[in-house]
Amino acid sequence: MHGLFSISERKVDLSDTSALTLASSLRILLHDLTNRGGLMARAKPNVLIITCDQWRGDSLSIAGHPVVKTPNSDALATEGVLFRRHYGGAAPCSPARACLYTGLSQMNNRVCRNGTPLDRRHGNIALAARAFGYDPTLFGYTDVSPDPRYHAPDDPVLRTYEGVLPGFTVRQLLPEHQKPWLSWLSARGVDASAGFPDIHRSASGSGKTVSNDPPVYKADETPAAFLAGEFIRWLGEQDPSSGRGWFAHLSFFSPHPPFIVPEPYNSMYDPAGGPDFRRGTSWSSEAETHPFLDYVISRQKKGKFLPGMKGKVRNFTEVDFRAIRAIYWGMISEMDAQLGRLWAALRSAGSWNNTIIVLTSDHAEMMGDHFMLGKGGFFDQSYHIPLIVRDPQRRKAAGSVVDHFTEAVDIMPTLLELLGATPPAHLDGRSLRPFLEGRQPSDWRDAAHWEFDFRSIEKGRPERHFQIRSQQCNLAVLRGEEWKYVHFGGGLPPLLYNMKEDPEELHNLAGDPSCAAVRLDFAERLLAWRAEHLDQSLALSALTEDGVAGDVAPLPIY
């Protein structure tokens, strides 16, 4: 088969990889299926992709968290499938989202940092949705930097990393400066003159100590409430009787710092409660375990997470970290309450039973573990994220929990298959459809993979600190059931953890002679993974005397 998409039993020949041919072939096929009473005989499903920012995968009550309560996320999981061991592919925001949107690992999409352009040759979920006749609509942000080779040097889009993923129609943009939300607050009579990030300081505090005092805005005036309201307003404009379906992406900023939340969420959780932090006896003992940790711990500043505060994160006390964590949990519950508004609006609009919903996050949050806040590096806490998928047409597995390792790159092939297409063979992710149908694939992955690139093209600080080139400022992780291996570029030493005996990841066994065989095995497995997944967009095809054989990744349609 030459083609990359297969709908029902009818194949499309895509040996001609031009964008026009792809679009034309899909239109002809969909029209044919409509006339035959096939795929399009019933209304196309709606698709709602919800991403939160910095939501830890363990911070769901349905996932067993002893403190956090997320009733609306839980309700979605009872009608869908909870993927309990789901991991982001990279960090921070831009690299993480590139993995989710393209279905490609960082080593193939090559979005290394916030501001790294996404090569225009890569397809993505929004462009794929357009090929199905949807008008994918964005609420929030995607943090995708455009390919500068297709823009004039002075084009303003080249002055921000917060670009929009090609293919999306923007209904409500909400970048990090949050100006649309701020003007909305002003219209409601709230003094929003402080701007971002100072609007997120407590209304009564000095900013010199950790406080759960609320901000000037109320619970129904948060950025999440604003964005949810804009989607609900747009939802009311849709015509369910058209049968065309809609495709929307809500990209929420919560529970990303600054860490602050209005009443009643600011006091919902007792800082003294909850599990112990996963960390060593002191920040200095953590820093001594690896030069990369020493570099990161020494650089984190309090003001990045709590505006106005001075000093370094490592100097927060146990009481401080617990107070911040209680606020973070409150932000999660506030976010969950907005999800409840969305579920109610979908039901009210008559769309609940025809809407595929994906709820996830881009990456996670250290939240005091290892004396750190934020994301990045190699610890599980930065990459273990929620994933709940609900397809009303696949109810057999409703309420089930999947404990296999799944990855952000699985989202795109999953949605393609749920919409009736065979995912392109060059994607690094795999469709989760079998799990949604109550089936257990026999050859599923037995480990999760992620990457972190810590280069700094504009300032070069890591390069100077470690005396290595930008191309060497990276790490790759292979996280299995029992063992976790971290390989660094630039000659930095590797890490090996026994996750059964040392779930806190405190004891590096990479230099232990008794673990040499395990280290070699995991290093070889990681190398084999990279070799298997290196860019396959043309490598799975060949030109023969009979024409193109195999699979050719189509060029994206712009």
Protein backbone atom coordinates (compact mmCIF):
# COMPACT_ATOMS: atom_id res chain seq x y z
CA MET A 1 0.00 0.00 0.00
CA HIS A 2 1.41 3.39 -0.99
CA GLY A 3 -1.05 5.48 0.96
CA LEU A 4 -0.84 6.75 4.51
CA PHE A 5 -4.53 6.95 5.32
CA SER A 6 -7.04 4.10 5.23
CA ILE A 7 -10.69 4.82 6.04
CA SER A 8 -12.97 1.85 6.51
CA GLU A 9 -11.96 -0.71 3.83
CA ARG A 10 -11.26 1.79 1.08
CA LYS A 11 -7.59 2.67 0.43
CA VAL A 12 -6.28 5.97 -0.90
CA ASP A 13 -3.22 5.94 -3.13
CA LEU A 14 -0.95 8.69 -1.94
CA SER A 15 2.10 7.83 -4.02
CA ASP A 16 1.82 11.42 -5.25
CA THR A 17 2.68 13.23 -2.02
CA SER A 18 1.62 16.71 -3.05
CA ALA A 19 -0.59 18.53 -0.61
CA LEU A 20 -3.29 19.11 -3.24
CA THR A 21 -3.43 15.43 -4.10
CA LEU A 22 -3.77 14.50 -0.42
CA ALA A 23 -6.62 16.94 0.14
CA SER A 24 -8.36 15.92 -3.08
CA SER A 25 -8.06 12.21 -2.31
CA LEU A 26 -9.55 12.64 1.14
CA ARG A 27 -12.44 14.73 -0.20
CA ILE A 28 -13.26 12.16 -2.87
CA LEU A 29 -13.12 9.32 -0.36
CA LEU A 30 -15.28 11.06 2.20
CA HIS A 31 -17.86 11.98 -0.46
CA ASP A 32 -17.90 8.37 -1.64
CA LEU A 33 -18.43 7.07 1.88
CA THR A 34 -21.28 9.54 2.40
CA ASN A 35 -23.08 8.24 -0.70
CA ARG A 36 -22.53 4.63 0.39
CA GLY A 37 -23.92 5.28 3.86
CA GLY A 38 -20.51 4.65 5.42
CA LEU A 39 -18.42 6.72 7.78
CA MET A 40 -20.28 9.96 7.18
CA ALA A 41 -23.81 8.54 7.35
CA ARG A 42 -23.99 9.70 10.97
CA ALA A 43 -22.80 13.02 12.30
CA LYS A 44 -19.07 13.36 12.51
CA PRO A 45 -17.85 13.29 16.10
CA ASN A 46 -16.81 16.48 17.80
CA VAL A 47 -13.26 16.54 19.16
CA LEU A 48 -12.22 18.43 22.29
CA ILE A 49 -8.53 18.41 23.23
CA ILE A 50 -7.88 19.91 26.65
CA THR A 51 -4.34 20.58 27.77
CA CYS A 52 -3.45 21.96 31.15
CA ASP A 53 -0.01 23.31 31.99
CA GLN A 54 2.18 21.70 34.63
CA TRP A 55 -0.40 19.24 36.05
CA ARG A 56 1.24 16.25 37.74
CA GLY A 57 -0.06 12.83 36.79
CA ASP A 58 -0.32 11.73 40.42
CA SER A 59 -2.49 14.72 41.35
CA LEU A 60 -5.87 13.18 40.51
CA SER A 61 -8.13 11.68 43.13
CA ILE A 62 -9.10 8.88 40.76
CA ALA A 63 -5.41 8.08 40.33
CA GLY A 64 -5.17 7.51 44.08
CA HIS A 65 -3.85 10.82 45.38
CA PRO A 66 -4.46 10.87 49.14
CA VAL A 67 -5.35 14.57 49.30
CA VAL A 68 -6.22 16.19 45.96
CA LYS A 69 -9.88 16.08 44.93
CA THR A 70 -10.74 16.25 41.24
CA PRO A 71 -14.40 15.14 40.94
CA ASN A 72 -14.93 16.39 37.38
CA SER A 73 -11.77 14.79 36.01
CA ASP A 74 -12.80 11.64 37.84
CA ALA A 75 -16.26 11.79 36.27
CA LEU A 76 -14.69 11.95 32.81
CA ALA A 77 -12.54 8.93 33.62
CA THR A 78 -15.58 6.89 34.66
CA GLU A 79 -16.91 7.33 31.11
CA GLY A 80 -13.53 7.01 29.44
CA VAL A 81 -10.14 5.46 30.08
CA LEU A 82 -7.54 6.66 32.56
CA PHE A 83 -3.96 6.11 31.43
CA ARG A 84 -2.23 6.04 34.77
CA ARG A 85 1.37 5.83 33.51
CA HIS A 86 1.36 8.54 30.88
CA TYR A 87 4.48 10.65 30.25
CA GLY A 88 5.27 13.83 28.39
CA GLY A 89 7.93 13.66 25.71
CA ALA A 90 9.95 16.74 26.63
CA ALA A 91 9.95 20.00 28.60
CA PRO A 92 9.33 22.92 28.86
CA CYS A 93 6.14 24.02 27.09
CA SER A 94 7.16 24.32 23.43
CA PRO A 95 9.09 21.01 23.26
CA ALA A 96 6.38 19.20 25.21
CA ARG A 97 3.61 20.47 22.94
CA ALA A 98 5.59 19.73 19.79
CA CYS A 99 5.60 16.05 20.79
CA LEU A 100 1.88 16.08 21.49
CA TYR A 101 0.87 17.99 18.34
CA THR A 102 3.13 16.20 15.83
CA GLY A 103 3.29 12.65 17.18
CA LEU A 104 7.07 12.91 16.85
CA SER A 105 9.69 12.66 19.58
CA GLN A 106 11.95 15.61 20.21
CA MET A 107 14.80 13.97 18.31
CA ASN A 108 12.58 14.15 15.21
CA ASN A 109 10.49 17.29 15.65
CA ARG A 110 13.66 19.08 16.91
CA VAL A 111 11.89 21.62 19.07
CA CYS A 112 14.56 21.79 21.75
CA ARG A 113 13.60 24.84 23.82
CA ASN A 114 10.93 27.52 24.04
CA GLY A 115 11.63 29.50 20.90
CA THR A 116 13.02 26.67 18.80
CA PRO A 117 11.13 26.86 15.47
CA LEU A 118 9.00 23.91 14.40
CA ASP A 119 10.14 22.83 10.95
CA ARG A 120 7.34 23.58 8.50
CA ARG A 121 7.67 20.18 6.86
CA HIS A 122 6.10 18.45 9.87
CA GLY A 123 2.42 17.71 9.87
CA ASN A 124 0.35 18.13 13.03
CA ILE A 125 -3.02 17.33 14.52
CA ALA A 126 -4.65 20.61 13.43
CA LEU A 127 -3.66 20.18 9.78
CA ALA A 128 -4.81 16.56 9.92
CA ALA A 129 -8.18 17.69 11.30
CA ARG A 130 -8.57 20.09 8.37
CA ALA A 131 -8.09 17.17 6.00
CA PHE A 132 -11.15 15.62 7.64
CA GLY A 133 -13.24 18.73 7.02
CA TYR A 134 -12.98 20.23 10.50
CA ASP A 135 -12.13 23.82 11.30
CA PRO A 136 -9.85 23.27 14.32
CA THR A 137 -10.38 26.16 16.70
CA LEU A 138 -7.99 27.30 19.42
CA PHE A 139 -8.75 28.70 22.85
CA GLY A 140 -5.56 29.56 24.70
CA TYR A 141 -2.11 28.99 23.25
CA THR A 142 0.12 26.39 21.59
CA ASP A 143 3.61 27.88 22.10
CA VAL A 144 4.78 26.88 18.62
CA SER A 145 7.50 29.03 17.08
CA PRO A 146 7.07 29.33 13.29
CA ASP A 147 9.71 28.31 10.77
CA PRO A 148 11.64 31.57 10.16
CA ARG A 149 12.62 30.50 6.64
CA TYR A 150 9.08 31.30 5.49
CA HIS A 151 8.90 34.79 7.01
CA ALA A 152 10.52 38.14 6.36
CA PRO A 153 13.23 39.02 8.93
CA ASP A 154 11.14 41.80 10.47
CA ASP A 155 7.91 39.80 10.67
CA PRO A 156 6.58 40.25 14.24
CA VAL A 157 5.83 36.53 14.51
CA LEU A 158 9.59 35.99 14.80
CA ARG A 159 9.75 38.02 18.02
CA THR A 160 7.90 35.54 20.23
CA TYR A 161 7.96 31.81 20.90
CA GLU A 162 4.22 31.88 21.55
CA GLY A 163 3.14 31.30 17.96
CA VAL A 164 0.06 29.36 16.88
CA LEU A 165 0.31 25.83 15.55
CA PRO A 166 -0.35 25.88 11.78
CA GLY A 167 -3.88 24.72 11.01
CA PHE A 168 -5.67 26.32 13.93
CA THR A 169 -8.28 29.04 13.65
CA VAL A 170 -7.79 31.27 16.68
CA ARG A 171 -10.99 32.12 18.53
CA GLN A 172 -9.41 33.28 21.78
CA LEU A 173 -5.66 33.62 22.08
CA LEU A 174 -4.34 33.73 25.64
CA PRO A 175 -0.54 33.94 25.67
CA GLU A 176 1.54 34.21 28.82
CA HIS A 177 1.09 37.98 29.12
CA GLN A 178 -2.65 37.23 29.48
CA LYS A 179 -3.69 40.64 28.13
CA PRO A 180 -7.07 39.46 26.79
CA TRP A 181 -7.92 38.14 30.24
CA LEU A 182 -6.63 41.31 31.91
CA SER A 183 -8.84 43.52 29.73
CA TRP A 184 -11.78 41.21 30.50
CA LEU A 185 -11.07 41.65 34.21
CA SER A 186 -10.98 45.43 33.79
CA ALA A 187 -14.35 45.33 32.06
CA ARG A 188 -15.71 43.53 35.12
CA GLY A 189 -14.45 46.29 37.39
CA VAL A 190 -11.33 44.55 38.66
CA ASP A 191 -8.15 46.62 38.92
CA ALA A 192 -5.87 44.75 36.53
CA SER A 193 -3.34 47.55 36.11
CA ALA A 194 -0.58 45.49 37.75
CA GLY A 195 -0.39 43.36 34.60
CA PHE A 196 1.30 39.99 34.36
CA PRO A 197 2.75 38.53 36.56
CA ASP A 198 2.01 40.97 39.40
CA ILE A 199 -1.74 40.50 38.99
CA HIS A 200 -1.06 37.08 40.53
CA ARG A 201 0.32 38.48 43.79
CA SER A 202 -1.88 38.33 46.87
CA ALA A 203 -4.07 41.35 47.37
CA SER A 204 -2.87 41.82 50.96
CA GLY A 205 0.60 40.32 51.12
CA SER A 206 4.00 41.94 50.76
CA GLY A 207 5.36 39.21 48.51
CA LYS A 208 8.24 38.58 50.92
CA THR A 209 6.83 35.42 52.49
CA VAL A 210 4.81 32.48 51.22
CA SER A 211 1.14 33.22 51.78
CA ASN A 212 -2.13 31.65 50.69
CA ASP A 213 -3.84 35.03 50.66
CA PRO A 214 -6.08 35.30 47.57
CA PRO A 215 -5.47 37.62 44.59
CA VAL A 216 -7.67 40.55 43.59
CA TYR A 217 -9.76 38.40 41.25
CA LYS A 218 -12.41 35.89 42.31
CA ALA A 219 -12.91 32.20 41.55
CA ASP A 220 -15.19 32.98 38.61
CA GLU A 221 -12.59 35.42 37.22
CA THR A 222 -9.50 33.21 36.88
CA PRO A 223 -7.77 32.77 33.51
CA ALA A 224 -9.25 29.26 33.40
CA ALA A 225 -12.75 30.61 34.06
CA PHE A 226 -12.30 33.20 31.31
CA LEU A 227 -11.13 30.63 28.77
CA ALA A 228 -13.84 28.13 29.68
CA GLY A 229 -16.43 30.88 29.28
CA GLU A 230 -15.15 31.80 25.83
CA PHE A 231 -15.39 28.18 24.72
CA ILE A 232 -18.90 27.84 26.12
CA ARG A 233 -19.95 30.98 24.26
CA TRP A 234 -18.48 29.58 21.03
CA LEU A 235 -20.14 26.21 21.67
CA GLY A 236 -23.52 27.95 21.70
CA GLU A 237 -22.84 29.19 18.17
CA GLN A 238 -22.37 25.68 16.75
CA ASP A 239 -25.15 23.90 14.89
CA PRO A 240 -25.41 20.24 15.98
CA SER A 241 -27.90 19.53 13.21
CA SER A 242 -25.30 20.26 10.51
CA GLY A 243 -23.59 16.90 11.09
CA ARG A 244 -20.22 18.45 10.29
CA GLY A 245 -18.88 18.27 13.82
CA TRP A 246 -16.41 20.63 15.44
CA PHE A 247 -12.82 20.36 16.61
CA ALA A 248 -11.65 22.54 19.51
CA HIS A 249 -8.48 22.80 21.54
CA LEU A 250 -8.64 24.38 25.01
CA SER A 251 -5.14 25.10 26.23
CA PHE A 252 -5.31 26.21 29.87
CA PHE A 253 -2.49 27.98 31.73
CA SER A 254 -3.33 26.38 35.11
CA PRO A 255 -1.82 25.07 37.32
CA HIS A 256 1.30 26.77 35.96
CA PRO A 257 2.98 29.34 38.26
CA PRO A 258 2.65 31.98 39.60
CA PHE A 259 1.27 29.86 42.45
CA ILE A 260 -1.82 31.67 43.68
CA VAL A 261 -5.54 30.91 43.65
CA PRO A 262 -8.74 32.65 44.84
CA GLU A 263 -11.05 31.56 47.64
CA PRO A 264 -12.15 28.92 48.46
CA TYR A 265 -9.35 27.03 46.74
CA ASN A 266 -6.57 28.94 48.52
CA SER A 267 -7.45 27.27 51.83
CA MET A 268 -8.91 24.00 50.53
CA TYR A 269 -5.87 21.92 51.49
CA ASP A 270 -3.95 21.75 54.74
CA PRO A 271 -0.24 22.35 54.11
CA ALA A 272 0.57 19.90 56.90
CA GLY A 273 -1.25 17.12 55.08
CA GLY A 274 -0.23 15.01 52.13
CA PRO A 275 2.71 12.74 51.42
CA ASP A 276 6.32 13.46 52.26
CA PHE A 277 8.46 15.09 49.59
CA ARG A 278 10.65 12.81 47.54
CA ARG A 279 14.12 14.14 48.12
CA GLY A 280 17.37 13.75 49.98
CA THR A 281 18.30 15.08 53.38
CA SER A 282 19.24 18.53 52.02
CA TRP A 283 19.51 20.43 48.76
CA SER A 284 23.29 20.20 48.96
CA SER A 285 23.16 16.40 49.20
CA GLU A 286 20.97 16.35 46.09
CA ALA A 287 23.32 18.71 44.23
CA GLU A 288 26.31 16.53 45.02
CA THR A 289 24.82 13.53 43.22
CA HIS A 290 25.26 14.91 39.69
CA PRO A 291 26.73 18.05 38.05
CA PHE A 292 23.47 18.68 36.20
CA LEU A 293 21.47 18.75 39.44
CA ASP A 294 24.03 21.05 41.00
CA TYR A 295 23.60 23.46 38.08
CA VAL A 296 19.78 23.40 38.13
CA ILE A 297 19.32 23.64 41.90
CA SER A 298 21.74 26.54 42.10
CA ARG A 299 19.84 28.58 39.50
CA GLN A 300 16.15 28.31 40.45
CA LYS A 301 14.80 31.63 41.76
CA LYS A 302 11.77 32.11 43.98
CA GLY A 303 10.46 35.08 41.98
CA LYS A 304 9.78 32.89 38.96
CA PHE A 305 7.12 31.04 40.95
CA LEU A 306 5.93 33.69 43.41
CA PRO A 307 6.22 37.21 41.95
CA GLY A 308 8.16 39.63 44.11
CA MET A 309 9.98 37.06 46.19
CA LYS A 310 13.76 37.17 46.41
CA GLY A 311 16.27 34.37 46.82
CA LYS A 312 16.63 30.84 45.55
CA VAL A 313 14.07 28.05 45.59
CA ARG A 314 16.49 25.73 47.37
CA ASN A 315 16.27 27.97 50.44
CA PHE A 316 12.53 27.52 50.92
CA THR A 317 11.84 25.80 54.22
CA GLU A 318 9.79 22.64 54.65
CA VAL A 319 6.90 24.85 55.79
CA ASP A 320 7.28 27.02 52.68
CA PHE A 321 7.29 24.08 50.30
CA ARG A 322 4.21 22.61 51.95
CA ALA A 323 2.38 25.94 51.79
CA ILE A 324 3.20 26.27 48.07
CA ARG A 325 2.09 22.70 47.43
CA ALA A 326 -1.25 23.31 49.13
CA ILE A 327 -1.78 26.32 46.84
CA TYR A 328 -0.81 24.20 43.82
CA TRP A 329 -3.39 21.58 44.80
CA GLY A 330 -5.94 24.36 45.13
CA MET A 331 -5.10 25.50 41.60
CA ILE A 332 -5.73 21.96 40.37
CA SER A 333 -9.12 21.88 42.07
CA GLU A 334 -9.98 25.28 40.59
CA MET A 335 -9.02 23.94 37.17
CA ASP A 336 -11.14 20.85 37.79
CA ALA A 337 -14.13 23.04 38.63
CA GLN A 338 -13.83 24.71 35.23
CA LEU A 339 -13.82 21.28 33.63
CA GLY A 340 -17.14 20.68 35.35
CA ARG A 341 -18.49 23.80 33.62
CA LEU A 342 -17.36 22.38 30.29
CA TRP A 343 -19.04 19.00 30.88
CA ALA A 344 -22.29 20.75 31.82
CA ALA A 345 -22.15 22.99 28.75
CA LEU A 346 -21.56 20.03 26.44
CA ARG A 347 -24.56 18.23 27.91
CA SER A 348 -26.71 21.33 27.67
CA ALA A 349 -25.75 21.78 24.02
CA GLY A 350 -26.63 18.15 23.23
CA SER A 351 -23.00 17.44 22.32
CA TRP A 352 -21.88 15.20 25.18
CA ASN A 353 -22.70 11.92 23.46
CA ASN A 354 -20.96 12.88 20.24
CA THR A 355 -17.73 14.43 21.55
CA ILE A 356 -14.36 12.73 21.84
CA ILE A 357 -12.55 14.30 24.80
CA VAL A 358 -8.84 14.15 25.52
CA LEU A 359 -7.69 15.60 28.86
CA THR A 360 -3.96 15.87 29.47
CA SER A 361 -1.09 18.22 30.33
CA ASP A 362 2.02 19.30 28.46
CA HIS A 363 4.42 18.37 31.26
CA ALA A 364 4.31 18.16 35.04
CA GLU A 365 5.79 19.94 38.08
CA MET A 366 8.51 19.10 40.62
CA MET A 367 6.54 20.81 43.43
CA GLY A 368 9.14 20.55 46.17
CA ASP A 369 10.48 17.14 45.32
CA HIS A 370 14.29 17.18 45.19
CA PHE A 371 14.13 20.78 46.52
CA MET A 372 12.92 22.07 43.16
CA LEU A 373 9.93 23.73 41.53
CA GLY A 374 9.07 23.80 37.85
CA LYS A 375 9.90 21.25 35.18
CA GLY A 376 12.80 19.86 33.20
CA GLY A 377 15.66 17.50 33.82
CA PHE A 378 14.97 13.79 34.18
CA PHE A 379 12.87 13.13 37.29
CA ASP A 380 9.49 11.44 36.87
CA GLN A 381 7.76 14.36 38.60
CA SER A 382 8.44 16.63 35.60
CA TYR A 383 7.06 14.22 32.98
CA HIS A 384 4.37 12.03 34.56
CA ILE A 385 1.14 13.72 33.41
CA PRO A 386 -2.59 12.95 33.37
CA LEU A 387 -4.30 11.40 30.37
CA ILE A 388 -8.00 10.60 30.16
CA VAL A 389 -9.59 9.76 26.81
CA ARG A 390 -13.34 9.46 26.36
CA ASP A 391 -14.87 8.31 23.08
CA PRO A 392 -18.66 7.96 23.37
CA GLN A 393 -18.63 5.47 20.48
CA ARG A 394 -16.30 3.16 22.41
CA ARG A 395 -17.93 2.43 25.73
CA LYS A 396 -16.71 -1.12 26.32
CA ALA A 397 -13.69 0.03 28.30
CA ALA A 398 -15.43 2.93 30.06
CA GLY A 399 -14.14 3.36 33.58
CA SER A 400 -11.05 1.23 33.03
CA VAL A 401 -7.48 2.07 34.01
CA VAL A 402 -4.46 1.36 31.81
CA ASP A 403 -1.14 0.79 33.57
CA HIS A 404 0.95 0.32 30.42
CA PHE A 405 3.44 3.07 29.63
CA THR A 406 1.96 5.64 27.26
CA GLU A 407 3.49 8.82 25.85
CA ALA A 408 2.43 12.23 24.58
CA VAL A 409 3.32 11.20 21.01
CA ASP A 410 0.45 8.69 21.18
CA ILE A 411 -2.22 11.41 21.12
CA MET A 412 -2.01 12.30 17.43
CA PRO A 413 -2.16 8.72 16.06
CA THR A 414 -4.97 7.96 18.49
CA LEU A 415 -7.14 10.83 17.24
CA LEU A 416 -6.39 9.99 13.63
CA GLU A 417 -7.56 6.43 14.17
CA LEU A 418 -10.65 7.48 16.11
CA LEU A 419 -11.56 9.70 13.16
CA GLY A 420 -11.15 6.81 10.75
CA ALA A 421 -7.61 7.15 9.38
CA THR A 422 -4.58 4.93 9.53
CA PRO A 423 -1.84 6.98 11.23
CA PRO A 424 1.19 7.75 9.05
CA ALA A 425 3.87 5.11 9.54
CA HIS A 426 6.59 7.63 10.35
CA LEU A 427 4.97 8.81 13.59
CA ASP A 428 6.76 7.86 16.80
CA GLY A 429 3.55 7.41 18.78
CA ARG A 430 1.08 4.54 18.66
CA SER A 431 -2.70 4.65 18.69
CA LEU A 432 -4.38 4.02 22.04
CA ARG A 433 -7.53 2.81 20.30
CA PRO A 434 -7.09 -0.84 21.42
CA PHE A 435 -7.22 0.22 25.08
CA LEU A 436 -10.32 2.32 24.41
CA GLU A 437 -11.97 -0.79 22.99
CA GLY A 438 -10.97 -3.00 25.91
CA ARG A 439 -8.22 -4.81 24.02
CA GLN A 440 -4.65 -5.42 25.20
CA PRO A 441 -2.00 -5.09 22.48
CA SER A 442 0.50 -7.93 22.70
CA ASP A 443 3.51 -5.87 21.61
CA TRP A 444 3.05 -2.65 23.58
CA ARG A 445 6.11 -0.76 24.86
CA ASP A 446 7.52 -1.79 28.24
CA ALA A 447 9.10 1.58 29.05
CA ALA A 448 8.54 5.30 28.63
CA HIS A 449 10.95 7.62 26.84
CA TRP A 450 11.51 11.33 27.16
CA GLU A 451 14.17 13.90 26.35
CA PHE A 452 15.32 17.20 27.79
CA ASP A 453 17.48 19.73 25.98
CA PHE A 454 19.10 22.40 28.13
CA ARG A 455 20.93 24.42 25.49
CA SER A 456 20.61 28.22 25.47
CA ILE A 457 21.11 29.60 21.99
CA GLU A 458 20.57 33.23 23.02
CA LYS A 459 22.69 33.28 26.22
CA GLY A 460 24.86 30.16 26.17
CA ARG A 461 24.98 29.77 29.95
CA PRO A 462 24.79 25.95 30.13
CA GLU A 463 27.32 25.69 27.31
CA ARG A 464 29.81 27.83 29.22
CA HIS A 465 29.11 26.17 32.56
CA PHE A 466 29.66 22.61 31.31
CA GLN A 467 32.18 23.60 28.61
CA ILE A 468 30.24 21.75 25.93
CA ARG A 469 28.54 22.67 22.65
CA SER A 470 24.82 23.40 22.29
CA GLN A 471 24.37 20.11 20.45
CA GLN A 472 25.65 18.29 23.55
CA CYS A 473 23.33 19.94 26.07
CA ASN A 474 20.79 17.14 26.20
CA LEU A 475 19.68 14.04 28.00
CA ALA A 476 17.48 11.07 27.14
CA VAL A 477 15.55 8.83 29.53
CA LEU A 478 14.46 5.20 29.34
CA ARG A 479 12.07 4.56 32.23
CA GLY A 480 11.07 0.94 32.69
CA GLU A 481 9.12 -0.91 35.33
CA GLU A 482 12.13 -1.63 37.55
CA TRP A 483 14.99 0.44 36.16
CA LYS A 484 15.45 3.97 34.89
CA TYR A 485 18.44 5.04 32.81
CA VAL A 486 19.45 8.62 31.97
CA HIS A 487 22.02 9.27 29.25
CA PHE A 488 23.65 12.70 28.96
CA GLY A 489 25.43 14.33 26.07
CA GLY A 490 28.69 16.21 26.42
CA GLY A 491 30.41 13.55 28.50
CA LEU A 492 28.26 14.18 31.59
CA PRO A 493 27.94 11.00 33.65
CA PRO A 494 24.89 8.74 33.24
CA LEU A 495 22.35 7.87 35.90
CA LEU A 496 20.79 4.52 36.78
CA TYR A 497 18.05 4.08 39.37
CA ASN A 498 16.31 0.99 40.70
CA MET A 499 12.74 2.30 40.74
CA LYS A 500 11.47 -0.63 42.84
CA GLU A 501 13.93 -0.19 45.68
CA ASP A 502 14.58 3.54 45.22
CA PRO A 503 11.41 5.24 43.91
CA GLU A 504 12.72 8.58 45.22
CA GLU A 505 15.62 8.37 42.71
CA LEU A 506 18.28 9.16 45.31
CA HIS A 507 20.88 6.47 44.69
CA ASN A 508 22.67 6.49 41.36
CA LEU A 509 23.85 2.96 40.57
CA ALA A 510 25.46 3.74 37.23
CA GLY A 511 28.92 3.30 38.74
CA ASP A 512 28.08 0.19 40.77
CA PRO A 513 29.95 -2.82 39.28
CA SER A 514 27.09 -5.13 40.25
CA CYS A 515 24.76 -3.08 38.02
CA ALA A 516 27.08 -2.85 35.04
CA ALA A 517 25.07 -5.39 33.03
CA VAL A 518 21.82 -3.48 33.66
CA ARG A 519 23.43 -0.19 32.68
CA LEU A 520 24.76 -1.69 29.45
CA ASP A 521 21.41 -3.28 28.64
CA PHE A 522 19.54 -0.01 29.09
CA ALA A 523 22.13 1.98 27.18
CA GLU A 524 21.80 -0.45 24.27
CA ARG A 525 18.00 -0.35 24.47
CA LEU A 526 18.03 3.44 24.40
CA LEU A 527 20.38 3.38 21.41
CA ALA A 528 18.13 0.86 19.65
CA TRP A 529 15.08 3.04 20.35
CA ARG A 530 16.75 6.05 18.82
CA ALA A 531 17.89 4.06 15.79
CA GLU A 532 14.38 2.69 15.23
CA HIS A 533 12.68 6.07 15.61
CA LEU A 534 15.05 8.37 13.73
CA ASP A 535 13.12 10.37 11.12
CA GLN A 536 11.20 7.85 9.00
CA SER A 537 9.23 10.27 6.82
CA LEU A 538 10.97 9.00 3.65
CA ALA A 539 12.98 6.08 5.03
CA LEU A 540 9.94 3.78 4.87
CA SER A 541 9.64 4.24 1.10
CA ALA A 542 11.66 3.28 -1.95
CA LEU A 543 11.57 4.21 -5.62
CA THR A 544 11.31 1.11 -7.80
CA GLU A 545 10.68 0.36 -11.46
CA ASP A 546 7.03 0.05 -10.50
CA GLY A 547 6.99 3.43 -8.76
CA VAL A 548 6.93 4.31 -5.08
CA ALA A 549 6.87 1.38 -2.67
CA GLY A 550 6.11 1.66 1.03
CA ASP A 551 4.92 4.69 2.95
CA VAL A 552 5.62 8.35 2.23
CA ALA A 553 4.74 10.96 4.81
CA PRO A 554 2.62 13.60 3.06
CA LEU A 555 3.66 17.21 3.15
CA PRO A 556 1.46 19.29 5.46
CA ILE A 557 -1.32 21.33 3.89
CA TYR A 558 -1.10 25.07 4.58
